[in-house]
Amino acid sequence: MNTYHHFFVAGLLTGLSLVYASTALADQMYQPQYQQQPDQQQYQQQYEQQPRERSYGEKIGKKALNGVVNIHTSFLEVPKAIINNTNAEGSNIVFGLVGGAIEGTLNTVARATAGVGDLTLFLLPTKAIVYPQYVWDDFYETNTRYGDIFRLDDDENPPVFELPK
């Protein structure tokens, strides 16, 4: 098999997986959300925001999307670091430009690498490595940080069965 066919097959499988994950979520998005309620209290109880467990499809879809976005927007780490280092207390413009460029370049490589990892292993639903998840979140307030790698994205569910004590 030709080398180009390997890339084509890998890209095709990744694309089909992304399409399948998005179609699995489509029925949840298009269900009717509003019904006539005669009683205001019933209306409030029905539509209070309650945390719901995310499905496997939602988790892997979000992880694949994070990977693609982090790969393509990782270069924005350089201006973010320059701005944040220049505006830091006790800093000056020279340190902001030089230190920010170095820090931004390192964060660019790290965010792109984390994005490649997320996109490659998107079928394994793990927590995000990079905080903030997207480079534009908390752009002026937060510097980019990195967390644990390969921590499963478990919702705190009670166990199905507990052993007697």
C-alpha atoms as a PDB file:
ATOM      1  CA  MET A   1       0.000   0.000   0.000  1.00  0.00           C
ATOM      2  CA  ASN A   2       1.276   3.405  -0.900  1.00  0.00           C
ATOM      3  CA  THR A   3       2.277   5.837   1.854  1.00  0.00           C
ATOM      4  CA  TYR A   4      -0.351   8.295   0.693  1.00  0.00           C
ATOM      5  CA  HIS A   5      -3.028   5.662   1.139  1.00  0.00           C
ATOM      6  CA  HIS A   6      -2.065   5.283   4.815  1.00  0.00           C
ATOM      7  CA  PHE A   7      -2.600   8.993   5.399  1.00  0.00           C
ATOM      8  CA  PHE A   8      -5.831   8.926   3.423  1.00  0.00           C
ATOM      9  CA  VAL A   9      -7.218   5.988   5.418  1.00  0.00           C
ATOM     10  CA  ALA A  10      -6.209   7.560   8.741  1.00  0.00           C
ATOM     11  CA  GLY A  11      -7.793  10.879   7.752  1.00  0.00           C
ATOM     12  CA  LEU A  12     -10.922   9.160   6.486  1.00  0.00           C
ATOM     13  CA  LEU A  13     -11.362   7.178   9.719  1.00  0.00           C
ATOM     14  CA  THR A  14     -10.821  10.296  11.817  1.00  0.00           C
ATOM     15  CA  GLY A  15     -13.346  12.237   9.744  1.00  0.00           C
ATOM     16  CA  LEU A  16     -15.926   9.463   9.943  1.00  0.00           C
ATOM     17  CA  SER A  17     -15.473   9.239  13.703  1.00  0.00           C
ATOM     18  CA  LEU A  18     -16.024  12.982  14.055  1.00  0.00           C
ATOM     19  CA  VAL A  19     -19.142  12.831  11.883  1.00  0.00           C
ATOM     20  CA  TYR A  20     -20.513   9.879  13.847  1.00  0.00           C
ATOM     21  CA  ALA A  21     -19.934  11.637  17.177  1.00  0.00           C
ATOM     22  CA  SER A  22     -21.726  14.759  15.972  1.00  0.00           C
ATOM     23  CA  THR A  23     -24.701  12.821  14.599  1.00  0.00           C
ATOM     24  CA  ALA A  24     -24.999  10.884  17.847  1.00  0.00           C
ATOM     25  CA  LEU A  25     -25.533  14.200  19.614  1.00  0.00           C
ATOM     26  CA  ALA A  26     -27.917  15.665  17.057  1.00  0.00           C
ATOM     27  CA  ASP A  27     -31.035  13.988  18.426  1.00  0.00           C
ATOM     28  CA  GLN A  28     -30.371  15.462  21.873  1.00  0.00           C
ATOM     29  CA  MET A  29     -30.139  18.974  20.439  1.00  0.00           C
ATOM     30  CA  TYR A  30     -33.341  18.883  18.388  1.00  0.00           C
ATOM     31  CA  GLN A  31     -35.764  17.544  20.977  1.00  0.00           C
ATOM     32  CA  PRO A  32     -38.550  19.981  21.888  1.00  0.00           C
ATOM     33  CA  GLN A  33     -37.474  21.984  24.902  1.00  0.00           C
ATOM     34  CA  TYR A  34     -40.551  24.058  25.678  1.00  0.00           C
ATOM     35  CA  GLN A  35     -43.973  22.781  26.597  1.00  0.00           C
ATOM     36  CA  GLN A  36     -46.961  24.662  27.936  1.00  0.00           C
ATOM     37  CA  GLN A  37     -47.072  24.487  31.742  1.00  0.00           C
ATOM     38  CA  PRO A  38     -50.105  25.893  33.532  1.00  0.00           C
ATOM     39  CA  ASP A  39     -48.325  26.139  36.862  1.00  0.00           C
ATOM     40  CA  GLN A  40     -45.285  28.410  37.285  1.00  0.00           C
ATOM     41  CA  GLN A  41     -43.785  26.164  39.980  1.00  0.00           C
ATOM     42  CA  GLN A  42     -43.866  23.126  37.708  1.00  0.00           C
ATOM     43  CA  TYR A  43     -42.251  25.221  34.997  1.00  0.00           C
ATOM     44  CA  GLN A  44     -39.395  26.234  37.301  1.00  0.00           C
ATOM     45  CA  GLN A  45     -38.837  22.690  38.535  1.00  0.00           C
ATOM     46  CA  GLN A  46     -38.753  21.314  35.013  1.00  0.00           C
ATOM     47  CA  TYR A  47     -36.334  23.870  33.604  1.00  0.00           C
ATOM     48  CA  GLU A  48     -33.977  24.439  36.512  1.00  0.00           C
ATOM     49  CA  GLN A  49     -30.485  23.876  35.391  1.00  0.00           C
ATOM     50  CA  GLN A  50     -29.438  20.521  36.710  1.00  0.00           C
ATOM     51  CA  PRO A  51     -26.097  18.957  36.021  1.00  0.00           C
ATOM     52  CA  ARG A  52     -26.488  16.061  33.667  1.00  0.00           C
ATOM     53  CA  GLU A  53     -24.048  13.352  32.870  1.00  0.00           C
ATOM     54  CA  ARG A  54     -22.310  13.826  29.559  1.00  0.00           C
ATOM     55  CA  SER A  55     -22.451  10.901  27.175  1.00  0.00           C
ATOM     56  CA  TYR A  56     -19.420   9.167  25.740  1.00  0.00           C
ATOM     57  CA  GLY A  57     -20.100  10.789  22.365  1.00  0.00           C
ATOM     58  CA  GLU A  58     -20.129  14.263  23.904  1.00  0.00           C
ATOM     59  CA  LYS A  59     -16.853  13.631  25.715  1.00  0.00           C
ATOM     60  CA  ILE A  60     -14.942  12.340  22.699  1.00  0.00           C
ATOM     61  CA  GLY A  61     -16.470  14.949  20.394  1.00  0.00           C
ATOM     62  CA  LYS A  62     -15.348  17.736  22.713  1.00  0.00           C
ATOM     63  CA  LYS A  63     -11.889  16.198  23.004  1.00  0.00           C
ATOM     64  CA  ALA A  64     -11.488  15.935  19.225  1.00  0.00           C
ATOM     65  CA  LEU A  65     -12.694  19.510  18.810  1.00  0.00           C
ATOM     66  CA  ASN A  66     -10.239  20.695  21.496  1.00  0.00           C
ATOM     67  CA  GLY A  67      -7.435  18.926  19.662  1.00  0.00           C
ATOM     68  CA  VAL A  68      -8.221  20.502  16.293  1.00  0.00           C
ATOM     69  CA  VAL A  69      -8.699  23.974  17.771  1.00  0.00           C
ATOM     70  CA  ASN A  70      -5.527  23.800  19.889  1.00  0.00           C
ATOM     71  CA  ILE A  71      -3.445  22.710  16.905  1.00  0.00           C
ATOM     72  CA  HIS A  72      -4.681  25.532  14.688  1.00  0.00           C
ATOM     73  CA  THR A  73      -4.705  28.347  17.271  1.00  0.00           C
ATOM     74  CA  SER A  74      -1.565  27.507  19.226  1.00  0.00           C
ATOM     75  CA  PHE A  75       0.351  30.368  17.550  1.00  0.00           C
ATOM     76  CA  LEU A  76      -1.835  32.836  19.497  1.00  0.00           C
ATOM     77  CA  GLU A  77       0.146  31.911  22.615  1.00  0.00           C
ATOM     78  CA  VAL A  78       2.960  34.256  21.514  1.00  0.00           C
ATOM     79  CA  PRO A  79       0.963  37.526  21.547  1.00  0.00           C
ATOM     80  CA  LYS A  80      -0.898  36.360  24.667  1.00  0.00           C
ATOM     81  CA  ALA A  81       2.367  35.821  26.564  1.00  0.00           C
ATOM     82  CA  ILE A  82       3.829  39.113  25.321  1.00  0.00           C
ATOM     83  CA  ILE A  83       0.741  41.046  26.446  1.00  0.00           C
ATOM     84  CA  ASN A  84       0.538  39.311  29.823  1.00  0.00           C
ATOM     85  CA  ASN A  85       4.272  39.669  30.540  1.00  0.00           C
ATOM     86  CA  THR A  86       4.307  43.324  29.513  1.00  0.00           C
ATOM     87  CA  ASN A  87       1.300  44.140  31.700  1.00  0.00           C
ATOM     88  CA  ALA A  88       2.539  42.161  34.712  1.00  0.00           C
ATOM     89  CA  GLU A  89       3.306  44.140  37.846  1.00  0.00           C
ATOM     90  CA  GLY A  90       6.968  45.195  37.996  1.00  0.00           C
ATOM     91  CA  SER A  91       7.573  44.419  34.325  1.00  0.00           C
ATOM     92  CA  ASN A  92       8.788  46.604  31.491  1.00  0.00           C
ATOM     93  CA  ILE A  93       8.380  46.573  27.731  1.00  0.00           C
ATOM     94  CA  VAL A  94      11.736  44.892  27.005  1.00  0.00           C
ATOM     95  CA  PHE A  95      11.113  42.010  29.395  1.00  0.00           C
ATOM     96  CA  GLY A  96       7.554  41.732  28.110  1.00  0.00           C
ATOM     97  CA  LEU A  97       8.671  41.442  24.500  1.00  0.00           C
ATOM     98  CA  VAL A  98      11.665  39.138  25.007  1.00  0.00           C
ATOM     99  CA  GLY A  99      10.331  37.013  27.851  1.00  0.00           C
ATOM    100  CA  GLY A 100       6.855  36.908  26.354  1.00  0.00           C
ATOM    101  CA  ALA A 101       8.184  35.784  22.979  1.00  0.00           C
ATOM    102  CA  ILE A 102      10.166  32.964  24.592  1.00  0.00           C
ATOM    103  CA  GLU A 103       7.321  31.904  26.884  1.00  0.00           C
ATOM    104  CA  GLY A 104       4.810  32.168  24.036  1.00  0.00           C
ATOM    105  CA  THR A 105       6.937  30.030  21.735  1.00  0.00           C
ATOM    106  CA  LEU A 106       7.243  27.322  24.382  1.00  0.00           C
ATOM    107  CA  ASN A 107       3.505  27.468  25.081  1.00  0.00           C
ATOM    108  CA  THR A 108       2.816  27.292  21.334  1.00  0.00           C
ATOM    109  CA  VAL A 109       4.782  24.069  21.034  1.00  0.00           C
ATOM    110  CA  ALA A 110       3.178  22.644  24.182  1.00  0.00           C
ATOM    111  CA  ARG A 111      -0.397  23.546  23.158  1.00  0.00           C
ATOM    112  CA  ALA A 112       0.093  22.157  19.644  1.00  0.00           C
ATOM    113  CA  THR A 113       1.576  18.949  21.075  1.00  0.00           C
ATOM    114  CA  ALA A 114      -1.336  18.597  23.497  1.00  0.00           C
ATOM    115  CA  GLY A 115      -3.712  19.191  20.570  1.00  0.00           C
ATOM    116  CA  VAL A 116      -2.061  16.448  18.526  1.00  0.00           C
ATOM    117  CA  GLY A 117      -2.332  14.127  21.530  1.00  0.00           C
ATOM    118  CA  ASP A 118      -5.998  14.990  22.032  1.00  0.00           C
ATOM    119  CA  LEU A 119      -6.793  14.465  18.355  1.00  0.00           C
ATOM    120  CA  THR A 120      -4.845  11.210  18.166  1.00  0.00           C
ATOM    121  CA  LEU A 121      -6.378   9.715  21.315  1.00  0.00           C
ATOM    122  CA  PHE A 122      -9.824  11.317  21.129  1.00  0.00           C
ATOM    123  CA  LEU A 123     -11.567   7.950  21.564  1.00  0.00           C
ATOM    124  CA  LEU A 124     -10.214   7.835  25.129  1.00  0.00           C
ATOM    125  CA  PRO A 125     -12.206  10.479  27.053  1.00  0.00           C
ATOM    126  CA  THR A 126      -9.651  12.185  29.278  1.00  0.00           C
ATOM    127  CA  LYS A 127      -9.585  15.566  30.974  1.00  0.00           C
ATOM    128  CA  ALA A 128      -7.998  18.476  29.163  1.00  0.00           C
ATOM    129  CA  ILE A 129      -4.249  18.875  29.653  1.00  0.00           C
ATOM    130  CA  VAL A 130      -4.073  22.592  28.862  1.00  0.00           C
ATOM    131  CA  TYR A 131      -5.780  25.245  30.992  1.00  0.00           C
ATOM    132  CA  PRO A 132      -7.521  27.341  29.748  1.00  0.00           C
ATOM    133  CA  GLN A 133      -8.865  24.859  27.203  1.00  0.00           C
ATOM    134  CA  TYR A 134      -8.789  27.410  24.390  1.00  0.00           C
ATOM    135  CA  VAL A 135      -6.152  30.104  23.990  1.00  0.00           C
ATOM    136  CA  TRP A 136      -8.739  32.916  23.918  1.00  0.00           C
ATOM    137  CA  ASP A 137     -10.357  31.928  27.253  1.00  0.00           C
ATOM    138  CA  ASP A 138      -9.199  34.350  29.970  1.00  0.00           C
ATOM    139  CA  PHE A 139      -6.818  35.888  27.437  1.00  0.00           C
ATOM    140  CA  TYR A 140      -5.682  38.810  29.603  1.00  0.00           C
ATOM    141  CA  GLU A 141      -6.074  37.264  33.055  1.00  0.00           C
ATOM    142  CA  THR A 142      -4.607  33.771  32.973  1.00  0.00           C
ATOM    143  CA  ASN A 143      -1.291  32.385  31.840  1.00  0.00           C
ATOM    144  CA  THR A 144      -1.378  28.981  30.184  1.00  0.00           C
ATOM    145  CA  ARG A 145      -0.905  26.066  32.573  1.00  0.00           C
ATOM    146  CA  TYR A 146      -0.699  22.327  32.104  1.00  0.00           C
ATOM    147  CA  GLY A 147      -2.313  19.648  34.247  1.00  0.00           C
ATOM    148  CA  ASP A 148      -2.281  15.919  34.600  1.00  0.00           C
ATOM    149  CA  ILE A 149      -1.981  13.747  31.532  1.00  0.00           C
ATOM    150  CA  PHE A 150      -4.361  10.847  30.815  1.00  0.00           C
ATOM    151  CA  ARG A 151      -6.755  11.468  33.726  1.00  0.00           C
ATOM    152  CA  LEU A 152     -10.075   9.955  32.688  1.00  0.00           C
ATOM    153  CA  ASP A 153     -12.969  12.369  32.427  1.00  0.00           C
ATOM    154  CA  ASP A 154     -15.156  10.622  34.996  1.00  0.00           C
ATOM    155  CA  ASP A 155     -18.315  12.214  36.215  1.00  0.00           C
ATOM    156  CA  GLU A 156     -18.760  11.639  39.900  1.00  0.00           C
ATOM    157  CA  ASN A 157     -21.309   8.843  39.622  1.00  0.00           C
ATOM    158  CA  PRO A 158     -22.315   6.707  42.565  1.00  0.00           C
ATOM    159  CA  PRO A 159     -21.204   3.106  42.163  1.00  0.00           C
ATOM    160  CA  VAL A 160     -23.764   0.731  40.703  1.00  0.00           C
ATOM    161  CA  PHE A 161     -23.088  -1.858  43.379  1.00  0.00           C
ATOM    162  CA  GLU A 162     -21.353  -1.517  46.731  1.00  0.00           C
ATOM    163  CA  LEU A 163     -19.869  -4.393  48.634  1.00  0.00           C
ATOM    164  CA  PRO A 164     -21.256  -4.947  52.127  1.00  0.00           C
ATOM    165  CA  LYS A 165     -19.092  -3.664  54.927  1.00  0.00           C
END
